[in-house]
PDB file of N, CA and C in Angstrom:
ATOM      1  N   MET A   1     -12.935   5.951   2.034  1.00  0.00           N
ATOM      2  CA  MET A   1     -12.864   4.708   1.297  1.00  0.00           C
ATOM      3  C   MET A   1     -11.405   4.282   1.182  1.00  0.00           C
ATOM      4  N   LYS A   2     -11.119   3.052   1.508  1.00  0.00           N
ATOM      5  CA  LYS A   2      -9.761   2.547   1.443  1.00  0.00           C
ATOM      6  C   LYS A   2      -9.357   2.284   0.004  1.00  0.00           C
ATOM      7  N   SER A   3      -8.109   2.577  -0.293  1.00  0.00           N
ATOM      8  CA  SER A   3      -7.547   2.268  -1.598  1.00  0.00           C
ATOM      9  C   SER A   3      -7.065   0.819  -1.575  1.00  0.00           C
ATOM     10  N   LEU A   4      -6.639   0.312  -2.724  1.00  0.00           N
ATOM     11  CA  LEU A   4      -6.064  -1.031  -2.759  1.00  0.00           C
ATOM     12  C   LEU A   4      -4.827  -1.098  -1.872  1.00  0.00           C
ATOM     13  N   ILE A   5      -4.083  -0.006  -1.839  1.00  0.00           N
ATOM     14  CA  ILE A   5      -2.924   0.047  -0.940  1.00  0.00           C
ATOM     15  C   ILE A   5      -3.389  -0.112   0.502  1.00  0.00           C
ATOM     16  N   GLY A   6      -4.450   0.588   0.861  1.00  0.00           N
ATOM     17  CA  GLY A   6      -5.000   0.477   2.208  1.00  0.00           C
ATOM     18  C   GLY A   6      -5.469  -0.930   2.523  1.00  0.00           C
ATOM     19  N   GLU A   7      -6.117  -1.561   1.568  1.00  0.00           N
ATOM     20  CA  GLU A   7      -6.577  -2.938   1.760  1.00  0.00           C
ATOM     21  C   GLU A   7      -5.398  -3.877   1.980  1.00  0.00           C
ATOM     22  N   ARG A   8      -4.348  -3.706   1.188  1.00  0.00           N
ATOM     23  CA  ARG A   8      -3.149  -4.553   1.318  1.00  0.00           C
ATOM     24  C   ARG A   8      -2.472  -4.344   2.668  1.00  0.00           C
ATOM     25  N   ILE A   9      -2.331  -3.090   3.074  1.00  0.00           N
ATOM     26  CA  ILE A   9      -1.684  -2.809   4.356  1.00  0.00           C
ATOM     27  C   ILE A   9      -2.511  -3.378   5.498  1.00  0.00           C
ATOM     28  N   GLN A  10      -3.804  -3.171   5.452  1.00  0.00           N
ATOM     29  CA  GLN A  10      -4.670  -3.683   6.509  1.00  0.00           C
ATOM     30  C   GLN A  10      -4.606  -5.208   6.572  1.00  0.00           C
ATOM     31  N   ALA A  11      -4.634  -5.853   5.416  1.00  0.00           N
ATOM     32  CA  ALA A  11      -4.591  -7.320   5.372  1.00  0.00           C
ATOM     33  C   ALA A  11      -3.254  -7.863   5.881  1.00  0.00           C
ATOM     34  N   SER A  12      -2.195  -7.068   5.738  1.00  0.00           N
ATOM     35  CA  SER A  12      -0.867  -7.528   6.166  1.00  0.00           C
ATOM     36  C   SER A  12      -0.740  -7.590   7.686  1.00  0.00           C
ATOM     37  N   GLY A  13      -1.534  -6.763   8.371  1.00  0.00           N
ATOM     38  CA  GLY A  13      -1.440  -6.703   9.821  1.00  0.00           C
ATOM     39  C   GLY A  13      -0.271  -5.857  10.320  1.00  0.00           C
ATOM     40  N   LEU A  14       0.476  -5.260   9.392  1.00  0.00           N
ATOM     41  CA  LEU A  14       1.611  -4.425   9.774  1.00  0.00           C
ATOM     42  C   LEU A  14       1.126  -3.047  10.224  1.00  0.00           C
ATOM     43  N   LYS A  15       1.856  -2.461  11.122  1.00  0.00           N
ATOM     44  CA  LYS A  15       1.520  -1.130  11.640  1.00  0.00           C
ATOM     45  C   LYS A  15       1.972  -0.054  10.666  1.00  0.00           C
ATOM     46  N   GLN A  16       1.188   1.024  10.584  1.00  0.00           N
ATOM     47  CA  GLN A  16       1.550   2.154   9.736  1.00  0.00           C
ATOM     48  C   GLN A  16       2.918   2.714  10.137  1.00  0.00           C
ATOM     49  N   ARG A  17       3.187   2.738  11.414  1.00  0.00           N
ATOM     50  CA  ARG A  17       4.458   3.259  11.927  1.00  0.00           C
ATOM     51  C   ARG A  17       5.639   2.450  11.381  1.00  0.00           C
ATOM     52  N   TYR A  18       5.496   1.122  11.385  1.00  0.00           N
ATOM     53  CA  TYR A  18       6.555   0.248  10.867  1.00  0.00           C
ATOM     54  C   TYR A  18       6.781   0.495   9.377  1.00  0.00           C
ATOM     55  N   ILE A  19       5.690   0.532   8.611  1.00  0.00           N
ATOM     56  CA  ILE A  19       5.786   0.745   7.168  1.00  0.00           C
ATOM     57  C   ILE A  19       6.425   2.098   6.879  1.00  0.00           C
ATOM     58  N   ALA A  20       5.984   3.116   7.586  1.00  0.00           N
ATOM     59  CA  ALA A  20       6.528   4.458   7.390  1.00  0.00           C
ATOM     60  C   ALA A  20       8.035   4.481   7.655  1.00  0.00           C
ATOM     61  N   LYS A  21       8.453   3.865   8.735  1.00  0.00           N
ATOM     62  CA  LYS A  21       9.874   3.842   9.088  1.00  0.00           C
ATOM     63  C   LYS A  21      10.685   3.113   8.029  1.00  0.00           C
ATOM     64  N   GLU A  22      10.186   1.978   7.562  1.00  0.00           N
ATOM     65  CA  GLU A  22      10.902   1.187   6.563  1.00  0.00           C
ATOM     66  C   GLU A  22      11.053   1.926   5.236  1.00  0.00           C
ATOM     67  N   ILE A  23      10.056   2.721   4.874  1.00  0.00           N
ATOM     68  CA  ILE A  23      10.075   3.426   3.596  1.00  0.00           C
ATOM     69  C   ILE A  23      10.751   4.792   3.726  1.00  0.00           C
ATOM     70  N   GLY A  24      10.743   5.361   4.935  1.00  0.00           N
ATOM     71  CA  GLY A  24      11.361   6.665   5.145  1.00  0.00           C
ATOM     72  C   GLY A  24      10.395   7.822   4.968  1.00  0.00           C
ATOM     73  N   VAL A  25       9.136   7.575   5.326  1.00  0.00           N
ATOM     74  CA  VAL A  25       8.109   8.622   5.279  1.00  0.00           C
ATOM     75  C   VAL A  25       7.453   8.691   6.653  1.00  0.00           C
ATOM     76  N   ASN A  26       6.548   9.657   6.855  1.00  0.00           N
ATOM     77  CA  ASN A  26       5.862   9.711   8.144  1.00  0.00           C
ATOM     78  C   ASN A  26       4.536   8.939   8.079  1.00  0.00           C
ATOM     79  N   GLU A  27       3.980   8.698   9.231  1.00  0.00           N
ATOM     80  CA  GLU A  27       2.741   7.914   9.310  1.00  0.00           C
ATOM     81  C   GLU A  27       1.588   8.564   8.560  1.00  0.00           C
ATOM     82  N   ASN A  28       1.528   9.889   8.549  1.00  0.00           N
ATOM     83  CA  ASN A  28       0.458  10.572   7.823  1.00  0.00           C
ATOM     84  C   ASN A  28       0.521  10.270   6.332  1.00  0.00           C
ATOM     85  N   THR A  29       1.713  10.133   5.812  1.00  0.00           N
ATOM     86  CA  THR A  29       1.870   9.788   4.395  1.00  0.00           C
ATOM     87  C   THR A  29       1.282   8.414   4.122  1.00  0.00           C
ATOM     88  N   VAL A  30       1.605   7.462   4.966  1.00  0.00           N
ATOM     89  CA  VAL A  30       1.065   6.101   4.804  1.00  0.00           C
ATOM     90  C   VAL A  30      -0.453   6.136   4.936  1.00  0.00           C
ATOM     91  N   ARG A  31      -0.966   6.890   5.886  1.00  0.00           N
ATOM     92  CA  ARG A  31      -2.414   7.018   6.081  1.00  0.00           C
ATOM     93  C   ARG A  31      -3.070   7.601   4.827  1.00  0.00           C
ATOM     94  N   ASN A  32      -2.436   8.598   4.223  1.00  0.00           N
ATOM     95  CA  ASN A  32      -2.972   9.184   2.988  1.00  0.00           C
ATOM     96  C   ASN A  32      -2.982   8.173   1.846  1.00  0.00           C
ATOM     97  N   TRP A  33      -1.962   7.351   1.762  1.00  0.00           N
ATOM     98  CA  TRP A  33      -1.954   6.286   0.746  1.00  0.00           C
ATOM     99  C   TRP A  33      -3.103   5.327   0.991  1.00  0.00           C
ATOM    100  N   MET A  34      -3.303   4.973   2.249  1.00  0.00           N
ATOM    101  CA  MET A  34      -4.353   4.011   2.596  1.00  0.00           C
ATOM    102  C   MET A  34      -5.744   4.547   2.259  1.00  0.00           C
ATOM    103  N   ASN A  35      -5.929   5.844   2.429  1.00  0.00           N
ATOM    104  CA  ASN A  35      -7.232   6.456   2.165  1.00  0.00           C
ATOM    105  C   ASN A  35      -7.414   6.894   0.718  1.00  0.00           C
ATOM    106  N   GLY A  36      -6.365   6.742  -0.086  1.00  0.00           N
ATOM    107  CA  GLY A  36      -6.449   7.137  -1.488  1.00  0.00           C
ATOM    108  C   GLY A  36      -6.311   8.628  -1.719  1.00  0.00           C
ATOM    109  N   ASN A  37      -5.833   9.362  -0.701  1.00  0.00           N
ATOM    110  CA  ASN A  37      -5.650  10.808  -0.839  1.00  0.00           C
ATOM    111  C   ASN A  37      -4.378  11.163  -1.593  1.00  0.00           C
ATOM    112  N   SER A  38      -3.424  10.245  -1.597  1.00  0.00           N
ATOM    113  CA  SER A  38      -2.182  10.410  -2.353  1.00  0.00           C
ATOM    114  C   SER A  38      -1.638   9.017  -2.651  1.00  0.00           C
ATOM    115  N   PHE A  39      -0.601   8.975  -3.462  1.00  0.00           N
ATOM    116  CA  PHE A  39      -0.026   7.697  -3.853  1.00  0.00           C
ATOM    117  C   PHE A  39       1.487   7.766  -3.727  1.00  0.00           C
ATOM    118  N   PRO A  40       2.112   6.622  -3.433  1.00  0.00           N
ATOM    119  CA  PRO A  40       3.568   6.628  -3.285  1.00  0.00           C
ATOM    120  C   PRO A  40       4.277   6.884  -4.608  1.00  0.00           C
ATOM    121  N   ARG A  41       5.436   7.489  -4.514  1.00  0.00           N
ATOM    122  CA  ARG A  41       6.321   7.623  -5.673  1.00  0.00           C
ATOM    123  C   ARG A  41       6.792   6.224  -6.047  1.00  0.00           C
ATOM    124  N   LEU A  42       7.333   6.087  -7.236  1.00  0.00           N
ATOM    125  CA  LEU A  42       7.736   4.769  -7.726  1.00  0.00           C
ATOM    126  C   LEU A  42       8.702   4.074  -6.777  1.00  0.00           C
ATOM    127  N   ASN A  43       9.727   4.790  -6.322  1.00  0.00           N
ATOM    128  CA  ASN A  43      10.694   4.158  -5.416  1.00  0.00           C
ATOM    129  C   ASN A  43      10.034   3.735  -4.102  1.00  0.00           C
ATOM    130  N   GLN A  44       9.047   4.503  -3.639  1.00  0.00           N
ATOM    131  CA  GLN A  44       8.324   4.151  -2.411  1.00  0.00           C
ATOM    132  C   GLN A  44       7.411   2.958  -2.659  1.00  0.00           C
ATOM    133  N   ALA A  45       6.796   2.902  -3.832  1.00  0.00           N
ATOM    134  CA  ALA A  45       5.908   1.782  -4.175  1.00  0.00           C
ATOM    135  C   ALA A  45       6.702   0.488  -4.257  1.00  0.00           C
ATOM    136  N   VAL A  46       7.922   0.553  -4.774  1.00  0.00           N
ATOM    137  CA  VAL A  46       8.777  -0.633  -4.841  1.00  0.00           C
ATOM    138  C   VAL A  46       9.053  -1.148  -3.435  1.00  0.00           C
ATOM    139  N   LYS A  47       9.415  -0.248  -2.527  1.00  0.00           N
ATOM    140  CA  LYS A  47       9.674  -0.639  -1.137  1.00  0.00           C
ATOM    141  C   LYS A  47       8.412  -1.173  -0.472  1.00  0.00           C
ATOM    142  N   LEU A  48       7.275  -0.518  -0.717  1.00  0.00           N
ATOM    143  CA  LEU A  48       6.016  -0.947  -0.112  1.00  0.00           C
ATOM    144  C   LEU A  48       5.637  -2.342  -0.590  1.00  0.00           C
ATOM    145  N   ALA A  49       5.756  -2.583  -1.882  1.00  0.00           N
ATOM    146  CA  ALA A  49       5.443  -3.911  -2.421  1.00  0.00           C
ATOM    147  C   ALA A  49       6.349  -4.966  -1.809  1.00  0.00           C
ATOM    148  N   ASP A  50       7.615  -4.633  -1.613  1.00  0.00           N
ATOM    149  CA  ASP A  50       8.550  -5.569  -0.990  1.00  0.00           C
ATOM    150  C   ASP A  50       8.131  -5.872   0.448  1.00  0.00           C
ATOM    151  N   ILE A  51       7.771  -4.835   1.188  1.00  0.00           N
ATOM    152  CA  ILE A  51       7.341  -5.009   2.581  1.00  0.00           C
ATOM    153  C   ILE A  51       6.078  -5.871   2.648  1.00  0.00           C
ATOM    154  N   LEU A  52       5.140  -5.631   1.715  1.00  0.00           N
ATOM    155  CA  LEU A  52       3.862  -6.344   1.717  1.00  0.00           C
ATOM    156  C   LEU A  52       3.934  -7.675   0.982  1.00  0.00           C
ATOM    157  N   LYS A  53       5.113  -7.977   0.416  1.00  0.00           N
ATOM    158  CA  LYS A  53       5.321  -9.233  -0.304  1.00  0.00           C
ATOM    159  C   LYS A  53       4.309  -9.406  -1.439  1.00  0.00           C
ATOM    160  N   CYS A  54       4.223  -8.368  -2.279  1.00  0.00           N
ATOM    161  CA  CYS A  54       3.328  -8.408  -3.427  1.00  0.00           C
ATOM    162  C   CYS A  54       3.983  -7.687  -4.599  1.00  0.00           C
ATOM    163  N   GLU A  55       3.346  -7.745  -5.739  1.00  0.00           N
ATOM    164  CA  GLU A  55       3.815  -7.023  -6.915  1.00  0.00           C
ATOM    165  C   GLU A  55       3.326  -5.571  -6.827  1.00  0.00           C
ATOM    166  N   ILE A  56       4.040  -4.667  -7.457  1.00  0.00           N
ATOM    167  CA  ILE A  56       3.621  -3.258  -7.454  1.00  0.00           C
ATOM    168  C   ILE A  56       2.220  -3.120  -8.045  1.00  0.00           C
ATOM    169  N   THR A  57       1.934  -3.856  -9.104  1.00  0.00           N
ATOM    170  CA  THR A  57       0.611  -3.756  -9.734  1.00  0.00           C
ATOM    171  C   THR A  57      -0.503  -4.143  -8.780  1.00  0.00           C
ATOM    172  N   ASP A  58      -0.212  -5.011  -7.807  1.00  0.00           N
ATOM    173  CA  ASP A  58      -1.228  -5.404  -6.821  1.00  0.00           C
ATOM    174  C   ASP A  58      -1.660  -4.232  -5.948  1.00  0.00           C
ATOM    175  N   LEU A  59      -0.839  -3.193  -5.892  1.00  0.00           N
ATOM    176  CA  LEU A  59      -1.168  -2.021  -5.089  1.00  0.00           C
ATOM    177  C   LEU A  59      -2.127  -1.079  -5.811  1.00  0.00           C
ATOM    178  N   TYR A  60      -2.246  -1.249  -7.124  1.00  0.00           N
ATOM    179  CA  TYR A  60      -3.021  -0.311  -7.931  1.00  0.00           C
ATOM    180  C   TYR A  60      -4.141  -0.941  -8.758  1.00  0.00           C
ATOM    181  N   ILE A  61      -4.005  -2.227  -9.088  1.00  0.00           N
ATOM    182  CA  ILE A  61      -4.961  -2.867  -9.989  1.00  0.00           C
ATOM    183  C   ILE A  61      -5.602  -4.053  -9.290  1.00  0.00           C
ATOM    184  N   LYS A  62      -6.903  -4.008  -9.177  1.00  0.00           N
ATOM    185  CA  LYS A  62      -7.638  -5.098  -8.542  1.00  0.00           C
ATOM    186  C   LYS A  62      -7.841  -6.204  -9.562  1.00  0.00           C
ATOM    187  N   GLU A  63      -7.597  -7.435  -9.135  1.00  0.00           N
ATOM    188  CA  GLU A  63      -7.781  -8.567 -10.026  1.00  0.00           C
ATOM    189  C   GLU A  63      -9.228  -8.710 -10.427  1.00  0.00           C
ATOM    190  N   ALA A  64      -9.457  -9.003 -11.688  1.00  0.00           N
ATOM    191  CA  ALA A  64     -10.824  -9.202 -12.179  1.00  0.00           C
ATOM    192  C   ALA A  64     -11.352 -10.524 -11.643  1.00  0.00           C
ATOM    193  N   ASN A  65     -12.637 -10.533 -11.362  1.00  0.00           N
ATOM    194  CA  ASN A  65     -13.299 -11.744 -10.912  1.00  0.00           C
ATOM    195  C   ASN A  65     -13.696 -12.553 -12.138  1.00  0.00           C
ATOM    196  N   ASN A  66     -13.168 -13.745 -12.277  1.00  0.00           N
ATOM    197  CA  ASN A  66     -13.423 -14.561 -13.463  1.00  0.00           C
ATOM    198  C   ASN A  66     -14.629 -15.484 -13.301  1.00  0.00           C
ATOM    199  N   ASN A  67     -15.524 -15.166 -12.397  1.00  0.00           N
ATOM    200  CA  ASN A  67     -16.706 -16.005 -12.168  1.00  0.00           C
ATOM    201  C   ASN A  67     -17.899 -15.573 -12.993  1.00  0.00           C
ATOM    202  N   ASP A  68     -17.699 -14.716 -13.988  1.00  0.00           N
ATOM    203  CA  ASP A  68     -18.816 -14.224 -14.796  1.00  0.00           C
ATOM    204  C   ASP A  68     -19.288 -15.258 -15.765  1.00  0.00           C
TER     205      ASP A  68
END
């Protein structure tokens, strides 16, 4: 099951290799974040949010649907 981080990365169209290089981790680390097996440290989350052009909270908290 993909995590919100995985959904964001997939939606961005960016390659795991590119993201890993920009953050300074290996591709397996990014893959683990995407699958929800682990989560980035704060400094890594800041870089990831910058790369994905989103807020850090967008990586962890899904927006509520206000159509209720």
